[in-house]
Amino acid sequence: MAFEETNNPLIPDGFAAIGTAVTIGAVLIGVGFVIAIAVAIYRATRMANRGQNPLTLQEDIAHRAMQSQTLAPVQSLEQRLAELDDLHERGIISDDEHRSARTDALRS
């Protein structure tokens, strides 16, 4: 391997290639950071255009999951019928709604 000679007295002969390699590495790392920032800005802009806040996305997903009926605790048939009877007795649902809801619950 042939070493490059430099005229700089502070850089020993053969170390010029190392300086070049370090410079190229630093440039590649810098380009990587610029690309990462550009991608982050692009994704944040797309999310904002859809009405999502990229800074609260995890909290939004967690809230929606907690509100989901898929993750809701399963009620027994007796619990569901008792809840419907209670709603009917308090006048929150009408006779027709009560009858229809009981029929739906008994079909499930």
N, C-alpha and C. Protein backbone atom coordinates (compact mmCIF):
# COMPACT_ATOMS: atom_id res chain seq x y z
N MET A 1 0.85 -1.17 0.00
CA MET A 1 0.00 0.00 0.00
C MET A 1 0.89 1.23 0.00
N ALA A 2 0.67 2.09 -0.90
CA ALA A 2 1.48 3.30 -1.01
C ALA A 2 0.83 4.41 -0.20
N PHE A 3 1.63 5.07 0.59
CA PHE A 3 1.13 6.16 1.41
C PHE A 3 1.32 7.47 0.67
N GLU A 4 0.32 8.33 0.81
CA GLU A 4 0.44 9.64 0.18
C GLU A 4 1.36 10.51 1.05
N GLU A 5 2.15 11.28 0.41
CA GLU A 5 3.01 12.19 1.14
C GLU A 5 2.38 13.56 1.16
N THR A 6 2.49 14.23 2.29
CA THR A 6 1.95 15.58 2.41
C THR A 6 3.09 16.55 2.66
N ASN A 7 2.83 17.78 2.40
CA ASN A 7 3.82 18.82 2.67
C ASN A 7 3.58 19.46 4.02
N ASN A 8 2.52 19.01 4.72
CA ASN A 8 2.19 19.58 6.02
C ASN A 8 3.02 18.88 7.08
N PRO A 9 3.81 19.63 7.86
CA PRO A 9 4.66 19.00 8.86
C PRO A 9 3.87 18.45 10.04
N LEU A 10 2.59 18.87 10.21
CA LEU A 10 1.79 18.36 11.32
C LEU A 10 1.16 17.00 11.01
N ILE A 11 1.08 16.63 9.74
CA ILE A 11 0.48 15.35 9.34
C ILE A 11 1.60 14.45 8.87
N PRO A 12 1.85 13.36 9.60
CA PRO A 12 2.90 12.45 9.18
C PRO A 12 2.54 11.81 7.84
N ASP A 13 3.55 11.39 7.12
CA ASP A 13 3.31 10.73 5.83
C ASP A 13 2.44 9.50 6.04
N GLY A 14 1.46 9.30 5.16
CA GLY A 14 0.59 8.14 5.22
C GLY A 14 -0.73 8.39 5.94
N PHE A 15 -0.85 9.50 6.66
CA PHE A 15 -2.07 9.77 7.40
C PHE A 15 -3.05 10.66 6.63
N ALA A 16 -2.70 11.09 5.47
CA ALA A 16 -3.60 11.92 4.66
C ALA A 16 -4.84 11.13 4.25
N ALA A 17 -4.67 9.84 3.96
CA ALA A 17 -5.81 9.01 3.57
C ALA A 17 -6.80 8.85 4.71
N ILE A 18 -6.30 8.81 5.95
CA ILE A 18 -7.20 8.69 7.10
C ILE A 18 -8.04 9.96 7.23
N GLY A 19 -7.43 11.11 7.03
CA GLY A 19 -8.18 12.37 7.09
C GLY A 19 -9.25 12.43 6.03
N THR A 20 -8.94 11.93 4.85
CA THR A 20 -9.93 11.91 3.77
C THR A 20 -11.08 10.98 4.12
N ALA A 21 -10.77 9.83 4.69
CA ALA A 21 -11.81 8.86 5.07
C ALA A 21 -12.71 9.43 6.16
N VAL A 22 -12.12 10.12 7.12
CA VAL A 22 -12.90 10.74 8.19
C VAL A 22 -13.81 11.83 7.62
N THR A 23 -13.32 12.61 6.70
CA THR A 23 -14.12 13.66 6.07
C THR A 23 -15.30 13.06 5.31
N ILE A 24 -15.03 12.01 4.54
CA ILE A 24 -16.11 11.36 3.79
C ILE A 24 -17.15 10.77 4.76
N GLY A 25 -16.68 10.16 5.84
CA GLY A 25 -17.60 9.60 6.84
C GLY A 25 -18.47 10.67 7.47
N ALA A 26 -17.86 11.81 7.80
CA ALA A 26 -18.61 12.91 8.40
C ALA A 26 -19.66 13.45 7.43
N VAL A 27 -19.29 13.55 6.16
CA VAL A 27 -20.25 14.02 5.15
C VAL A 27 -21.42 13.04 5.03
N LEU A 28 -21.13 11.74 5.02
CA LEU A 28 -22.20 10.74 4.92
C LEU A 28 -23.12 10.79 6.13
N ILE A 29 -22.56 10.97 7.31
CA ILE A 29 -23.39 11.09 8.52
C ILE A 29 -24.26 12.34 8.43
N GLY A 30 -23.69 13.44 7.96
CA GLY A 30 -24.47 14.67 7.80
C GLY A 30 -25.61 14.51 6.82
N VAL A 31 -25.33 13.85 5.70
CA VAL A 31 -26.38 13.59 4.70
C VAL A 31 -27.48 12.71 5.31
N GLY A 32 -27.07 11.73 6.11
CA GLY A 32 -28.05 10.86 6.77
C GLY A 32 -28.97 11.65 7.69
N PHE A 33 -28.40 12.59 8.46
CA PHE A 33 -29.22 13.42 9.34
C PHE A 33 -30.19 14.29 8.53
N VAL A 34 -29.72 14.86 7.46
CA VAL A 34 -30.59 15.70 6.62
C VAL A 34 -31.74 14.88 6.05
N ILE A 35 -31.46 13.67 5.59
CA ILE A 35 -32.51 12.80 5.05
C ILE A 35 -33.50 12.43 6.15
N ALA A 36 -33.01 12.09 7.34
CA ALA A 36 -33.91 11.73 8.45
C ALA A 36 -34.82 12.89 8.82
N ILE A 37 -34.29 14.09 8.86
CA ILE A 37 -35.10 15.27 9.18
C ILE A 37 -36.13 15.53 8.09
N ALA A 38 -35.72 15.39 6.83
CA ALA A 38 -36.66 15.60 5.72
C ALA A 38 -37.81 14.60 5.77
N VAL A 39 -37.50 13.34 6.06
CA VAL A 39 -38.55 12.32 6.15
C VAL A 39 -39.48 12.62 7.32
N ALA A 40 -38.94 13.04 8.46
CA ALA A 40 -39.78 13.37 9.61
C ALA A 40 -40.71 14.53 9.30
N ILE A 41 -40.20 15.55 8.62
CA ILE A 41 -41.04 16.70 8.25
C ILE A 41 -42.12 16.27 7.26
N TYR A 42 -41.76 15.45 6.29
CA TYR A 42 -42.73 14.97 5.30
C TYR A 42 -43.86 14.19 5.98
N ARG A 43 -43.49 13.27 6.89
CA ARG A 43 -44.51 12.47 7.57
C ARG A 43 -45.39 13.33 8.48
N ALA A 44 -44.78 14.28 9.18
CA ALA A 44 -45.56 15.16 10.06
C ALA A 44 -46.53 16.01 9.26
N THR A 45 -46.10 16.47 8.09
CA THR A 45 -46.98 17.26 7.24
C THR A 45 -48.15 16.44 6.74
N ARG A 46 -47.88 15.21 6.32
CA ARG A 46 -48.98 14.34 5.86
C ARG A 46 -49.96 14.08 6.99
N MET A 47 -49.47 13.82 8.19
CA MET A 47 -50.36 13.57 9.33
C MET A 47 -51.20 14.81 9.64
N ALA A 48 -50.57 15.97 9.62
CA ALA A 48 -51.29 17.21 9.90
C ALA A 48 -52.37 17.46 8.86
N ASN A 49 -52.10 17.14 7.61
CA ASN A 49 -53.11 17.30 6.56
C ASN A 49 -54.30 16.37 6.75
N ARG A 50 -54.09 15.25 7.44
CA ARG A 50 -55.19 14.32 7.73
C ARG A 50 -55.87 14.65 9.04
N GLY A 51 -55.43 15.71 9.71
CA GLY A 51 -56.06 16.11 10.96
C GLY A 51 -55.48 15.41 12.17
N GLN A 52 -54.34 14.79 12.04
CA GLN A 52 -53.70 14.11 13.16
C GLN A 52 -52.55 14.96 13.68
N ASN A 53 -52.35 14.93 14.98
CA ASN A 53 -51.23 15.63 15.57
C ASN A 53 -50.11 14.63 15.78
N PRO A 54 -48.98 14.77 15.08
CA PRO A 54 -47.91 13.77 15.21
C PRO A 54 -47.32 13.70 16.60
N LEU A 55 -47.49 14.74 17.41
CA LEU A 55 -46.93 14.73 18.75
C LEU A 55 -47.82 13.99 19.75
N THR A 56 -49.09 13.79 19.42
CA THR A 56 -50.00 13.12 20.34
C THR A 56 -50.58 11.84 19.74
N LEU A 57 -49.98 11.34 18.68
CA LEU A 57 -50.56 10.20 17.98
C LEU A 57 -50.69 8.97 18.89
N GLN A 58 -49.67 8.66 19.69
CA GLN A 58 -49.76 7.49 20.55
C GLN A 58 -50.88 7.63 21.57
N GLU A 59 -51.04 8.82 22.13
CA GLU A 59 -52.12 9.04 23.09
C GLU A 59 -53.49 8.94 22.41
N ASP A 60 -53.59 9.45 21.17
CA ASP A 60 -54.85 9.36 20.43
C ASP A 60 -55.22 7.91 20.16
N ILE A 61 -54.24 7.12 19.77
CA ILE A 61 -54.50 5.70 19.50
C ILE A 61 -54.91 4.98 20.77
N ALA A 62 -54.22 5.28 21.88
CA ALA A 62 -54.57 4.64 23.15
C ALA A 62 -55.99 5.01 23.58
N HIS A 63 -56.38 6.28 23.40
CA HIS A 63 -57.72 6.72 23.77
C HIS A 63 -58.78 6.00 22.92
N ARG A 64 -58.53 5.92 21.62
CA ARG A 64 -59.49 5.24 20.75
C ARG A 64 -59.60 3.76 21.09
N ALA A 65 -58.49 3.14 21.45
CA ALA A 65 -58.53 1.73 21.84
C ALA A 65 -59.34 1.55 23.11
N MET A 66 -59.21 2.48 24.06
CA MET A 66 -59.97 2.38 25.31
C MET A 66 -61.46 2.58 25.07
N GLN A 67 -61.82 3.36 24.06
CA GLN A 67 -63.23 3.62 23.76
C GLN A 67 -63.83 2.55 22.85
N SER A 68 -63.01 1.66 22.33
CA SER A 68 -63.47 0.66 21.37
C SER A 68 -64.36 -0.39 22.04
N GLN A 69 -65.41 -0.75 21.35
CA GLN A 69 -66.28 -1.81 21.85
C GLN A 69 -65.61 -3.18 21.75
N THR A 70 -64.64 -3.29 20.87
CA THR A 70 -63.93 -4.56 20.72
C THR A 70 -63.17 -4.90 21.98
N LEU A 71 -62.63 -3.89 22.65
CA LEU A 71 -61.85 -4.12 23.86
C LEU A 71 -62.68 -3.98 25.13
N ALA A 72 -63.95 -3.69 25.00
CA ALA A 72 -64.81 -3.52 26.17
C ALA A 72 -65.01 -4.86 26.88
N PRO A 73 -65.18 -4.81 28.19
CA PRO A 73 -65.43 -6.06 28.91
C PRO A 73 -66.75 -6.70 28.45
N VAL A 74 -66.75 -7.99 28.39
CA VAL A 74 -67.92 -8.72 27.92
C VAL A 74 -68.94 -8.84 29.05
N GLN A 75 -70.19 -8.47 28.74
CA GLN A 75 -71.27 -8.59 29.71
C GLN A 75 -71.96 -9.92 29.51
N SER A 76 -72.38 -10.48 30.62
CA SER A 76 -73.17 -11.70 30.50
C SER A 76 -74.57 -11.31 30.03
N LEU A 77 -75.33 -12.29 29.57
CA LEU A 77 -76.68 -12.04 29.10
C LEU A 77 -77.54 -11.45 30.22
N GLU A 78 -77.37 -11.99 31.42
CA GLU A 78 -78.16 -11.48 32.55
C GLU A 78 -77.82 -10.03 32.86
N GLN A 79 -76.53 -9.68 32.77
CA GLN A 79 -76.13 -8.30 33.03
C GLN A 79 -76.73 -7.36 31.98
N ARG A 80 -76.68 -7.78 30.73
CA ARG A 80 -77.21 -6.94 29.66
C ARG A 80 -78.73 -6.76 29.80
N LEU A 81 -79.43 -7.84 30.11
CA LEU A 81 -80.89 -7.75 30.28
C LEU A 81 -81.23 -6.89 31.49
N ALA A 82 -80.47 -7.01 32.58
CA ALA A 82 -80.70 -6.19 33.78
C ALA A 82 -80.45 -4.71 33.47
N GLU A 83 -79.43 -4.43 32.67
CA GLU A 83 -79.14 -3.05 32.29
C GLU A 83 -80.29 -2.49 31.45
N LEU A 84 -80.79 -3.29 30.51
CA LEU A 84 -81.92 -2.84 29.68
C LEU A 84 -83.16 -2.60 30.52
N ASP A 85 -83.44 -3.50 31.47
CA ASP A 85 -84.61 -3.32 32.35
C ASP A 85 -84.47 -2.05 33.18
N ASP A 86 -83.24 -1.79 33.67
CA ASP A 86 -83.00 -0.59 34.47
C ASP A 86 -83.22 0.67 33.63
N LEU A 87 -82.69 0.67 32.40
CA LEU A 87 -82.89 1.82 31.53
C LEU A 87 -84.37 2.05 31.23
N HIS A 88 -85.12 0.97 31.07
CA HIS A 88 -86.56 1.08 30.79
C HIS A 88 -87.30 1.61 32.01
N GLU A 89 -86.94 1.10 33.19
CA GLU A 89 -87.62 1.55 34.42
C GLU A 89 -87.36 3.02 34.70
N ARG A 90 -86.18 3.50 34.37
CA ARG A 90 -85.86 4.91 34.60
C ARG A 90 -86.40 5.81 33.50
N GLY A 91 -86.99 5.24 32.46
CA GLY A 91 -87.60 6.01 31.39
C GLY A 91 -86.61 6.52 30.35
N ILE A 92 -85.42 5.96 30.35
CA ILE A 92 -84.40 6.40 29.39
C ILE A 92 -84.69 5.83 28.01
N ILE A 93 -85.22 4.60 27.97
CA ILE A 93 -85.60 4.01 26.69
C ILE A 93 -87.09 3.69 26.73
N SER A 94 -87.71 3.73 25.57
CA SER A 94 -89.15 3.50 25.47
C SER A 94 -89.46 2.00 25.49
N ASP A 95 -90.75 1.68 25.51
CA ASP A 95 -91.17 0.27 25.50
C ASP A 95 -90.68 -0.43 24.23
N ASP A 96 -90.82 0.24 23.09
CA ASP A 96 -90.39 -0.37 21.83
C ASP A 96 -88.87 -0.58 21.80
N GLU A 97 -88.12 0.42 22.27
CA GLU A 97 -86.66 0.28 22.31
C GLU A 97 -86.25 -0.84 23.25
N HIS A 98 -86.93 -0.94 24.38
CA HIS A 98 -86.64 -1.99 25.36
C HIS A 98 -86.91 -3.37 24.76
N ARG A 99 -88.03 -3.50 24.13
CA ARG A 99 -88.39 -4.78 23.53
C ARG A 99 -87.39 -5.17 22.43
N SER A 100 -87.05 -4.20 21.57
CA SER A 100 -86.12 -4.45 20.48
C SER A 100 -84.72 -4.81 21.01
N ALA A 101 -84.26 -4.08 22.01
CA ALA A 101 -82.93 -4.34 22.57
C ALA A 101 -82.88 -5.70 23.26
N ARG A 102 -83.96 -6.06 23.95
CA ARG A 102 -84.00 -7.39 24.61
C ARG A 102 -83.97 -8.49 23.56
N THR A 103 -84.71 -8.29 22.46
CA THR A 103 -84.71 -9.28 21.39
C THR A 103 -83.32 -9.44 20.80
N ASP A 104 -82.65 -8.32 20.56
CA ASP A 104 -81.27 -8.36 20.03
C ASP A 104 -80.34 -9.06 20.99
N ALA A 105 -80.47 -8.76 22.28
CA ALA A 105 -79.59 -9.37 23.27
C ALA A 105 -79.82 -10.88 23.36
N LEU A 106 -81.07 -11.29 23.25
CA LEU A 106 -81.37 -12.73 23.35
C LEU A 106 -80.92 -13.48 22.09
N ARG A 107 -80.85 -12.80 20.95
CA ARG A 107 -80.36 -13.44 19.72
C ARG A 107 -78.86 -13.69 19.76
N SER A 108 -78.13 -12.81 20.45
CA SER A 108 -76.66 -12.91 20.46
C SER A 108 -76.16 -14.12 21.22
